[in-house]
Amino acid sequence: MMSIRRQPFGYQICGGRISVNSSEADIVKYIFRAYIGGASFNDIKSSLLNQPVAYDADKAWNKNMIARILGDRRYVGTDVYPQILLCEDFEAAESIRTSKIQADTRSEAQRLLYKLSDKRPAVQTEADVLGIINALIHDPSLIKEPKTAPEVTETFELQQEFDDLLLIQPIDEVRAKRLIFQMASAQYSAIDNSEYETARLQRMVSKCKTLTELDADLLAKIVDKVIVNRISTQVILKNGQIINSEEVL
């Protein structure tokens, strides 16, 4: 059965009152010392995996647990919770956490571009993607339904199997019904929505004005992936179309 912590890590109920759990409190102090000393969440997590005190009995230590402990001001003491940490230790850790959050000055769009890219995007990558999106805004007809080569489909193979089955008497009705169901399912799955998606993308960009910087919302709605190479940047749209920066810029 999954355990549920009812008190912050480091505390326990004893005699109807909240008291310090000494073994857990030692871990709390260790986490703060390590973090103030320059260790990352991942470093601290890795070190805690090799000791017996667990955050939860059925869960391994992870970075979210570390973050939760480092952000809990109750460790400096309240009317309810006894003190575990010195106030200056908590403030030192909080200062480090705040500075790291503030250090990431990237915009939401830049962070999204990082997630969409197969490599760490450079300044030129951002410029290329912005240029491609603006090219689509200026001429939505550049968005086209991608061409796909015809191939033997699962539906065709199932139909062949079904036709062969009909030649065998008596017909295996159970197998026949199963094949009919599989063919219907395969046909439904094979419905190509690229035409609809292409029209949706065209409508979306046609309503946009020229961008001076990347827009996170538009980027998320029209771009599926960004591929970066030494020569150019490729943007894969949500309809599967690949647009090369060299072709439109």
C-alpha atoms as a PDB file:
ATOM      1  CA  MET A   1       0.000   0.000   0.000  1.00  0.00           C
ATOM      2  CA  MET A   2       1.324   3.460  -0.920  1.00  0.00           C
ATOM      3  CA  SER A   3       2.353   5.536   2.092  1.00  0.00           C
ATOM      4  CA  ILE A   4       1.192   9.132   2.442  1.00  0.00           C
ATOM      5  CA  ARG A   5       3.245  11.643   4.429  1.00  0.00           C
ATOM      6  CA  ARG A   6       1.039  13.495   6.864  1.00  0.00           C
ATOM      7  CA  GLN A   7       3.837  15.662   8.245  1.00  0.00           C
ATOM      8  CA  PRO A   8       6.732  17.457   6.555  1.00  0.00           C
ATOM      9  CA  PHE A   9       9.858  15.334   6.246  1.00  0.00           C
ATOM     10  CA  GLY A  10      11.794  15.704   9.500  1.00  0.00           C
ATOM     11  CA  TYR A  11       8.766  15.663  11.773  1.00  0.00           C
ATOM     12  CA  GLN A  12       6.580  13.049  13.444  1.00  0.00           C
ATOM     13  CA  ILE A  13       3.577  12.823  15.750  1.00  0.00           C
ATOM     14  CA  CYS A  14       4.569  11.717  19.225  1.00  0.00           C
ATOM     15  CA  GLY A  15       2.137  11.719  22.163  1.00  0.00           C
ATOM     16  CA  GLY A  16      -0.335  13.724  20.130  1.00  0.00           C
ATOM     17  CA  ARG A  17       2.211  16.475  19.434  1.00  0.00           C
ATOM     18  CA  ILE A  18       4.495  17.248  16.494  1.00  0.00           C
ATOM     19  CA  SER A  19       8.122  16.542  17.331  1.00  0.00           C
ATOM     20  CA  VAL A  20      11.410  16.262  15.460  1.00  0.00           C
ATOM     21  CA  ASN A  21      12.273  12.938  13.838  1.00  0.00           C
ATOM     22  CA  SER A  22      16.019  12.941  14.493  1.00  0.00           C
ATOM     23  CA  SER A  23      17.082  10.671  11.617  1.00  0.00           C
ATOM     24  CA  GLU A  24      15.020  12.619   9.119  1.00  0.00           C
ATOM     25  CA  ALA A  25      16.123  15.947  10.594  1.00  0.00           C
ATOM     26  CA  ASP A  26      19.751  14.946   9.990  1.00  0.00           C
ATOM     27  CA  ILE A  27      18.877  14.425   6.318  1.00  0.00           C
ATOM     28  CA  VAL A  28      17.195  17.845   6.178  1.00  0.00           C
ATOM     29  CA  LYS A  29      20.347  19.476   7.575  1.00  0.00           C
ATOM     30  CA  TYR A  30      22.504  17.508   5.139  1.00  0.00           C
ATOM     31  CA  ILE A  31      20.396  18.635   2.168  1.00  0.00           C
ATOM     32  CA  PHE A  32      20.703  22.281   3.113  1.00  0.00           C
ATOM     33  CA  ARG A  33      24.459  22.023   3.788  1.00  0.00           C
ATOM     34  CA  ALA A  34      25.045  20.270   0.476  1.00  0.00           C
ATOM     35  CA  TYR A  35      22.951  22.754  -1.489  1.00  0.00           C
ATOM     36  CA  ILE A  36      24.588  25.769   0.133  1.00  0.00           C
ATOM     37  CA  GLY A  37      27.935  24.112  -0.621  1.00  0.00           C
ATOM     38  CA  GLY A  38      27.169  24.038  -4.341  1.00  0.00           C
ATOM     39  CA  ALA A  39      25.616  20.596  -4.897  1.00  0.00           C
ATOM     40  CA  SER A  40      22.826  20.336  -7.472  1.00  0.00           C
ATOM     41  CA  PHE A  41      19.444  18.714  -6.885  1.00  0.00           C
ATOM     42  CA  ASN A  42      20.664  15.724  -8.873  1.00  0.00           C
ATOM     43  CA  ASP A  43      23.886  15.455  -6.839  1.00  0.00           C
ATOM     44  CA  ILE A  44      21.937  15.470  -3.574  1.00  0.00           C
ATOM     45  CA  LYS A  45      19.385  12.986  -4.865  1.00  0.00           C
ATOM     46  CA  SER A  46      22.116  10.556  -5.951  1.00  0.00           C
ATOM     47  CA  SER A  47      23.834  10.723  -2.574  1.00  0.00           C
ATOM     48  CA  LEU A  48      20.581  10.049  -0.710  1.00  0.00           C
ATOM     49  CA  LEU A  49      19.868   6.903  -2.716  1.00  0.00           C
ATOM     50  CA  ASN A  50      22.772   5.205  -0.919  1.00  0.00           C
ATOM     51  CA  GLN A  51      21.515   5.728   2.649  1.00  0.00           C
ATOM     52  CA  PRO A  52      18.637   4.053   4.533  1.00  0.00           C
ATOM     53  CA  VAL A  53      16.369   6.998   5.396  1.00  0.00           C
ATOM     54  CA  ALA A  54      13.593   7.315   2.818  1.00  0.00           C
ATOM     55  CA  TYR A  55      11.376  10.306   2.114  1.00  0.00           C
ATOM     56  CA  ASP A  56       8.490   7.878   1.692  1.00  0.00           C
ATOM     57  CA  ALA A  57       8.778   4.178   2.415  1.00  0.00           C
ATOM     58  CA  ASP A  58       7.675   3.177  -1.086  1.00  0.00           C
ATOM     59  CA  LYS A  59       9.424   5.905  -3.107  1.00  0.00           C
ATOM     60  CA  ALA A  60      13.031   6.527  -4.085  1.00  0.00           C
ATOM     61  CA  TRP A  61      14.475   9.981  -3.547  1.00  0.00           C
ATOM     62  CA  ASN A  62      13.925  12.371  -6.456  1.00  0.00           C
ATOM     63  CA  LYS A  63      14.601  16.031  -7.263  1.00  0.00           C
ATOM     64  CA  ASN A  64      11.038  17.103  -6.448  1.00  0.00           C
ATOM     65  CA  MET A  65      11.484  15.866  -2.886  1.00  0.00           C
ATOM     66  CA  ILE A  66      14.735  17.826  -2.557  1.00  0.00           C
ATOM     67  CA  ALA A  67      13.058  20.981  -3.890  1.00  0.00           C
ATOM     68  CA  ARG A  68      10.119  20.533  -1.512  1.00  0.00           C
ATOM     69  CA  ILE A  69      12.434  20.309   1.503  1.00  0.00           C
ATOM     70  CA  LEU A  70      14.565  23.276   0.434  1.00  0.00           C
ATOM     71  CA  GLY A  71      11.458  25.416   0.026  1.00  0.00           C
ATOM     72  CA  ASP A  72       9.829  24.572   3.368  1.00  0.00           C
ATOM     73  CA  ARG A  73      10.291  27.490   5.778  1.00  0.00           C
ATOM     74  CA  ARG A  74       8.772  25.535   8.672  1.00  0.00           C
ATOM     75  CA  TYR A  75      12.210  24.038   9.322  1.00  0.00           C
ATOM     76  CA  VAL A  76      13.293  27.303  10.996  1.00  0.00           C
ATOM     77  CA  GLY A  77      10.512  26.766  13.553  1.00  0.00           C
ATOM     78  CA  THR A  78       6.898  27.905  14.020  1.00  0.00           C
ATOM     79  CA  ASP A  79       4.339  27.774  16.812  1.00  0.00           C
ATOM     80  CA  VAL A  80       3.533  24.236  15.662  1.00  0.00           C
ATOM     81  CA  TYR A  81       6.792  22.874  14.219  1.00  0.00           C
ATOM     82  CA  PRO A  82       9.988  22.706  16.317  1.00  0.00           C
ATOM     83  CA  GLN A  83      13.116  24.256  14.821  1.00  0.00           C
ATOM     84  CA  ILE A  84      15.440  22.038  12.774  1.00  0.00           C
ATOM     85  CA  LEU A  85      17.428  24.645  10.852  1.00  0.00           C
ATOM     86  CA  LEU A  86      19.072  27.923  11.679  1.00  0.00           C
ATOM     87  CA  CYS A  87      17.278  30.784   9.973  1.00  0.00           C
ATOM     88  CA  GLU A  88      20.489  31.901   8.238  1.00  0.00           C
ATOM     89  CA  ASP A  89      20.913  28.445   6.662  1.00  0.00           C
ATOM     90  CA  PHE A  90      17.414  28.521   5.230  1.00  0.00           C
ATOM     91  CA  GLU A  91      17.897  32.076   3.922  1.00  0.00           C
ATOM     92  CA  ALA A  92      21.226  31.130   2.324  1.00  0.00           C
ATOM     93  CA  ALA A  93      19.615  28.237   0.458  1.00  0.00           C
ATOM     94  CA  GLU A  94      16.627  30.382  -0.511  1.00  0.00           C
ATOM     95  CA  SER A  95      18.952  33.030  -1.918  1.00  0.00           C
ATOM     96  CA  ILE A  96      20.672  30.435  -4.102  1.00  0.00           C
ATOM     97  CA  ARG A  97      17.340  29.044  -5.317  1.00  0.00           C
ATOM     98  CA  THR A  98      16.046  32.520  -6.171  1.00  0.00           C
ATOM     99  CA  SER A  99      19.205  33.498  -8.038  1.00  0.00           C
ATOM    100  CA  LYS A 100      19.026  30.328 -10.146  1.00  0.00           C
ATOM    101  CA  ILE A 101      15.420  31.012 -11.063  1.00  0.00           C
ATOM    102  CA  GLN A 102      16.231  34.610 -11.990  1.00  0.00           C
ATOM    103  CA  ALA A 103      19.319  33.518 -13.940  1.00  0.00           C
ATOM    104  CA  ASP A 104      17.137  31.929 -16.624  1.00  0.00           C
ATOM    105  CA  THR A 105      16.305  35.046 -18.608  1.00  0.00           C
ATOM    106  CA  ARG A 106      15.004  33.141 -21.628  1.00  0.00           C
ATOM    107  CA  SER A 107      11.513  33.964 -22.808  1.00  0.00           C
ATOM    108  CA  GLU A 108       8.787  31.332 -22.811  1.00  0.00           C
ATOM    109  CA  ALA A 109       9.176  31.021 -26.585  1.00  0.00           C
ATOM    110  CA  GLN A 110      12.935  30.497 -26.292  1.00  0.00           C
ATOM    111  CA  ARG A 111      12.434  27.744 -23.705  1.00  0.00           C
ATOM    112  CA  LEU A 112       9.871  26.070 -25.967  1.00  0.00           C
ATOM    113  CA  LEU A 113      12.243  26.298 -28.936  1.00  0.00           C
ATOM    114  CA  TYR A 114      14.853  24.499 -26.839  1.00  0.00           C
ATOM    115  CA  LYS A 115      12.390  21.644 -26.220  1.00  0.00           C
ATOM    116  CA  LEU A 116      11.382  21.430 -29.877  1.00  0.00           C
ATOM    117  CA  SER A 117      14.954  21.383 -31.210  1.00  0.00           C
ATOM    118  CA  ASP A 118      16.988  18.231 -31.750  1.00  0.00           C
ATOM    119  CA  LYS A 119      20.119  20.199 -30.754  1.00  0.00           C
ATOM    120  CA  ARG A 120      20.767  23.168 -28.492  1.00  0.00           C
ATOM    121  CA  PRO A 121      19.396  26.087 -30.554  1.00  0.00           C
ATOM    122  CA  ALA A 122      21.771  28.924 -31.350  1.00  0.00           C
ATOM    123  CA  VAL A 123      20.880  32.560 -31.958  1.00  0.00           C
ATOM    124  CA  GLN A 124      20.795  31.807 -35.691  1.00  0.00           C
ATOM    125  CA  THR A 125      18.324  28.972 -35.088  1.00  0.00           C
ATOM    126  CA  GLU A 126      15.919  31.347 -33.384  1.00  0.00           C
ATOM    127  CA  ALA A 127      16.299  33.826 -36.242  1.00  0.00           C
ATOM    128  CA  ASP A 128      15.686  31.086 -38.827  1.00  0.00           C
ATOM    129  CA  VAL A 129      12.545  29.804 -37.086  1.00  0.00           C
ATOM    130  CA  LEU A 130      11.234  33.359 -36.729  1.00  0.00           C
ATOM    131  CA  GLY A 131      11.928  33.945 -40.424  1.00  0.00           C
ATOM    132  CA  ILE A 132      10.146  30.735 -41.450  1.00  0.00           C
ATOM    133  CA  ILE A 133       7.060  31.579 -39.379  1.00  0.00           C
ATOM    134  CA  ASN A 134       6.940  35.104 -40.811  1.00  0.00           C
ATOM    135  CA  ALA A 135       7.231  33.668 -44.326  1.00  0.00           C
ATOM    136  CA  LEU A 136       4.186  31.489 -43.581  1.00  0.00           C
ATOM    137  CA  ILE A 137       2.310  34.501 -42.180  1.00  0.00           C
ATOM    138  CA  HIS A 138       3.032  36.494 -45.344  1.00  0.00           C
ATOM    139  CA  ASP A 139       2.063  33.574 -47.602  1.00  0.00           C
ATOM    140  CA  PRO A 140      -0.074  30.877 -45.930  1.00  0.00           C
ATOM    141  CA  SER A 141      -0.132  28.928 -49.225  1.00  0.00           C
ATOM    142  CA  LEU A 142       3.439  27.860 -48.424  1.00  0.00           C
ATOM    143  CA  ILE A 143       1.795  25.435 -46.014  1.00  0.00           C
ATOM    144  CA  LYS A 144       0.986  22.398 -48.105  1.00  0.00           C
ATOM    145  CA  GLU A 145      -0.261  18.921 -47.466  1.00  0.00           C
ATOM    146  CA  PRO A 146       2.856  16.722 -47.379  1.00  0.00           C
ATOM    147  CA  LYS A 147       3.161  14.097 -50.072  1.00  0.00           C
ATOM    148  CA  THR A 148       3.372  10.516 -48.853  1.00  0.00           C
ATOM    149  CA  ALA A 149       4.421   7.565 -50.958  1.00  0.00           C
ATOM    150  CA  PRO A 150       1.770   4.847 -51.389  1.00  0.00           C
ATOM    151  CA  GLU A 151       2.482   1.701 -49.409  1.00  0.00           C
ATOM    152  CA  VAL A 152       0.899  -1.630 -48.514  1.00  0.00           C
ATOM    153  CA  THR A 153      -1.327  -0.864 -45.563  1.00  0.00           C
ATOM    154  CA  GLU A 154      -2.378  -2.939 -42.606  1.00  0.00           C
ATOM    155  CA  THR A 155      -5.925  -2.790 -43.951  1.00  0.00           C
ATOM    156  CA  PHE A 156      -4.862  -4.383 -47.247  1.00  0.00           C
ATOM    157  CA  GLU A 157      -3.046  -7.191 -45.456  1.00  0.00           C
ATOM    158  CA  LEU A 158      -6.057  -7.874 -43.237  1.00  0.00           C
ATOM    159  CA  GLN A 159      -8.332  -7.893 -46.287  1.00  0.00           C
ATOM    160  CA  GLN A 160      -6.084 -10.473 -47.947  1.00  0.00           C
ATOM    161  CA  GLU A 161      -6.217 -12.638 -44.839  1.00  0.00           C
ATOM    162  CA  PHE A 162     -10.014 -12.285 -44.710  1.00  0.00           C
ATOM    163  CA  ASP A 163     -10.390 -13.228 -48.397  1.00  0.00           C
ATOM    164  CA  ASP A 164      -8.231 -16.307 -47.862  1.00  0.00           C
ATOM    165  CA  LEU A 165     -10.343 -17.271 -44.867  1.00  0.00           C
ATOM    166  CA  LEU A 166     -13.530 -17.197 -46.965  1.00  0.00           C
ATOM    167  CA  LEU A 167     -12.056 -19.848 -49.255  1.00  0.00           C
ATOM    168  CA  ILE A 168     -11.855 -22.339 -46.402  1.00  0.00           C
ATOM    169  CA  GLN A 169     -15.065 -24.206 -45.590  1.00  0.00           C
ATOM    170  CA  PRO A 170     -16.595 -24.251 -43.079  1.00  0.00           C
ATOM    171  CA  ILE A 171     -15.789 -20.615 -42.347  1.00  0.00           C
ATOM    172  CA  ASP A 172     -14.256 -19.919 -38.984  1.00  0.00           C
ATOM    173  CA  GLU A 173     -16.841 -17.365 -37.817  1.00  0.00           C
ATOM    174  CA  VAL A 174     -14.933 -16.325 -34.709  1.00  0.00           C
ATOM    175  CA  ARG A 175     -11.801 -15.563 -36.713  1.00  0.00           C
ATOM    176  CA  ALA A 176     -13.839 -13.849 -39.438  1.00  0.00           C
ATOM    177  CA  LYS A 177     -15.508 -11.516 -36.930  1.00  0.00           C
ATOM    178  CA  ARG A 178     -12.137 -10.743 -35.387  1.00  0.00           C
ATOM    179  CA  LEU A 179     -10.683  -9.836 -38.811  1.00  0.00           C
ATOM    180  CA  ILE A 180     -13.679  -7.646 -39.655  1.00  0.00           C
ATOM    181  CA  PHE A 181     -13.221  -5.772 -36.390  1.00  0.00           C
ATOM    182  CA  GLN A 182      -9.460  -5.393 -37.018  1.00  0.00           C
ATOM    183  CA  MET A 183     -10.071  -4.071 -40.553  1.00  0.00           C
ATOM    184  CA  ALA A 184     -12.549  -1.485 -39.289  1.00  0.00           C
ATOM    185  CA  SER A 185     -10.119  -0.415 -36.586  1.00  0.00           C
ATOM    186  CA  ALA A 186      -7.208  -0.192 -39.058  1.00  0.00           C
ATOM    187  CA  GLN A 187      -9.277   1.859 -41.517  1.00  0.00           C
ATOM    188  CA  TYR A 188     -10.253   4.283 -38.771  1.00  0.00           C
ATOM    189  CA  SER A 189      -6.628   4.635 -37.649  1.00  0.00           C
ATOM    190  CA  ALA A 190      -5.456   5.160 -41.222  1.00  0.00           C
ATOM    191  CA  ILE A 191      -7.697   8.169 -41.823  1.00  0.00           C
ATOM    192  CA  ASP A 192      -5.293  10.871 -42.958  1.00  0.00           C
ATOM    193  CA  ASN A 193      -6.010  14.123 -41.177  1.00  0.00           C
ATOM    194  CA  SER A 194      -3.153  16.000 -42.846  1.00  0.00           C
ATOM    195  CA  GLU A 195      -5.604  17.804 -45.168  1.00  0.00           C
ATOM    196  CA  TYR A 196      -7.569  19.099 -42.184  1.00  0.00           C
ATOM    197  CA  GLU A 197      -4.391  19.976 -40.294  1.00  0.00           C
ATOM    198  CA  THR A 198      -2.967  21.821 -43.299  1.00  0.00           C
ATOM    199  CA  ALA A 199      -6.116  23.933 -43.605  1.00  0.00           C
ATOM    200  CA  ARG A 200      -6.055  24.619 -39.863  1.00  0.00           C
ATOM    201  CA  LEU A 201      -2.462  25.846 -40.021  1.00  0.00           C
ATOM    202  CA  GLN A 202      -3.195  28.058 -43.025  1.00  0.00           C
ATOM    203  CA  ARG A 203      -6.156  29.663 -41.240  1.00  0.00           C
ATOM    204  CA  MET A 204      -4.113  30.206 -38.102  1.00  0.00           C
ATOM    205  CA  VAL A 205      -1.150  31.973 -39.717  1.00  0.00           C
ATOM    206  CA  SER A 206      -3.428  34.034 -41.993  1.00  0.00           C
ATOM    207  CA  LYS A 207      -4.796  35.741 -38.886  1.00  0.00           C
ATOM    208  CA  CYS A 208      -1.341  36.661 -37.552  1.00  0.00           C
ATOM    209  CA  LYS A 209       0.670  39.814 -38.058  1.00  0.00           C
ATOM    210  CA  THR A 210       4.397  39.832 -38.769  1.00  0.00           C
ATOM    211  CA  LEU A 211       6.335  38.848 -35.649  1.00  0.00           C
ATOM    212  CA  THR A 212       9.308  40.770 -34.298  1.00  0.00           C
ATOM    213  CA  GLU A 213      10.111  37.905 -31.924  1.00  0.00           C
ATOM    214  CA  LEU A 214       9.013  34.310 -31.468  1.00  0.00           C
ATOM    215  CA  ASP A 215       5.534  33.827 -30.033  1.00  0.00           C
ATOM    216  CA  ALA A 216       5.322  30.824 -27.686  1.00  0.00           C
ATOM    217  CA  ASP A 217       1.608  30.209 -28.263  1.00  0.00           C
ATOM    218  CA  LEU A 218       1.888  30.229 -32.061  1.00  0.00           C
ATOM    219  CA  LEU A 219       5.080  28.157 -31.952  1.00  0.00           C
ATOM    220  CA  ALA A 220       3.358  25.491 -29.857  1.00  0.00           C
ATOM    221  CA  LYS A 221       0.318  25.364 -32.142  1.00  0.00           C
ATOM    222  CA  ILE A 222       2.039  25.065 -35.531  1.00  0.00           C
ATOM    223  CA  VAL A 223       5.516  23.562 -34.989  1.00  0.00           C
ATOM    224  CA  ASP A 224       6.098  19.910 -34.134  1.00  0.00           C
ATOM    225  CA  LYS A 225       9.903  19.806 -34.250  1.00  0.00           C
ATOM    226  CA  VAL A 226      12.963  21.851 -35.213  1.00  0.00           C
ATOM    227  CA  ILE A 227      15.996  20.215 -36.825  1.00  0.00           C
ATOM    228  CA  VAL A 228      19.275  22.111 -36.712  1.00  0.00           C
ATOM    229  CA  ASN A 229      22.251  21.427 -38.961  1.00  0.00           C
ATOM    230  CA  ARG A 230      25.322  23.341 -40.101  1.00  0.00           C
ATOM    231  CA  ILE A 231      23.744  24.562 -43.320  1.00  0.00           C
ATOM    232  CA  SER A 232      20.164  25.377 -42.438  1.00  0.00           C
ATOM    233  CA  THR A 233      17.270  24.998 -40.020  1.00  0.00           C
ATOM    234  CA  GLN A 234      14.312  22.755 -40.756  1.00  0.00           C
ATOM    235  CA  VAL A 235      10.897  23.240 -39.195  1.00  0.00           C
ATOM    236  CA  ILE A 236       8.482  20.308 -39.135  1.00  0.00           C
ATOM    237  CA  LEU A 237       4.927  21.597 -38.968  1.00  0.00           C
ATOM    238  CA  LYS A 238       2.048  19.898 -37.179  1.00  0.00           C
ATOM    239  CA  ASN A 239       0.798  18.499 -40.505  1.00  0.00           C
ATOM    240  CA  GLY A 240       4.136  16.772 -41.114  1.00  0.00           C
ATOM    241  CA  GLN A 241       5.411  19.225 -43.733  1.00  0.00           C
ATOM    242  CA  ILE A 242       9.144  19.984 -43.570  1.00  0.00           C
ATOM    243  CA  ILE A 243      10.148  23.569 -44.355  1.00  0.00           C
ATOM    244  CA  ASN A 244      13.812  24.382 -44.900  1.00  0.00           C
ATOM    245  CA  SER A 245      15.049  27.857 -44.000  1.00  0.00           C
ATOM    246  CA  GLU A 246      17.063  27.994 -47.252  1.00  0.00           C
ATOM    247  CA  GLU A 247      13.875  27.582 -49.274  1.00  0.00           C
ATOM    248  CA  VAL A 248      11.882  30.446 -47.766  1.00  0.00           C
ATOM    249  CA  LEU A 249      14.429  32.920 -46.400  1.00  0.00           C
END
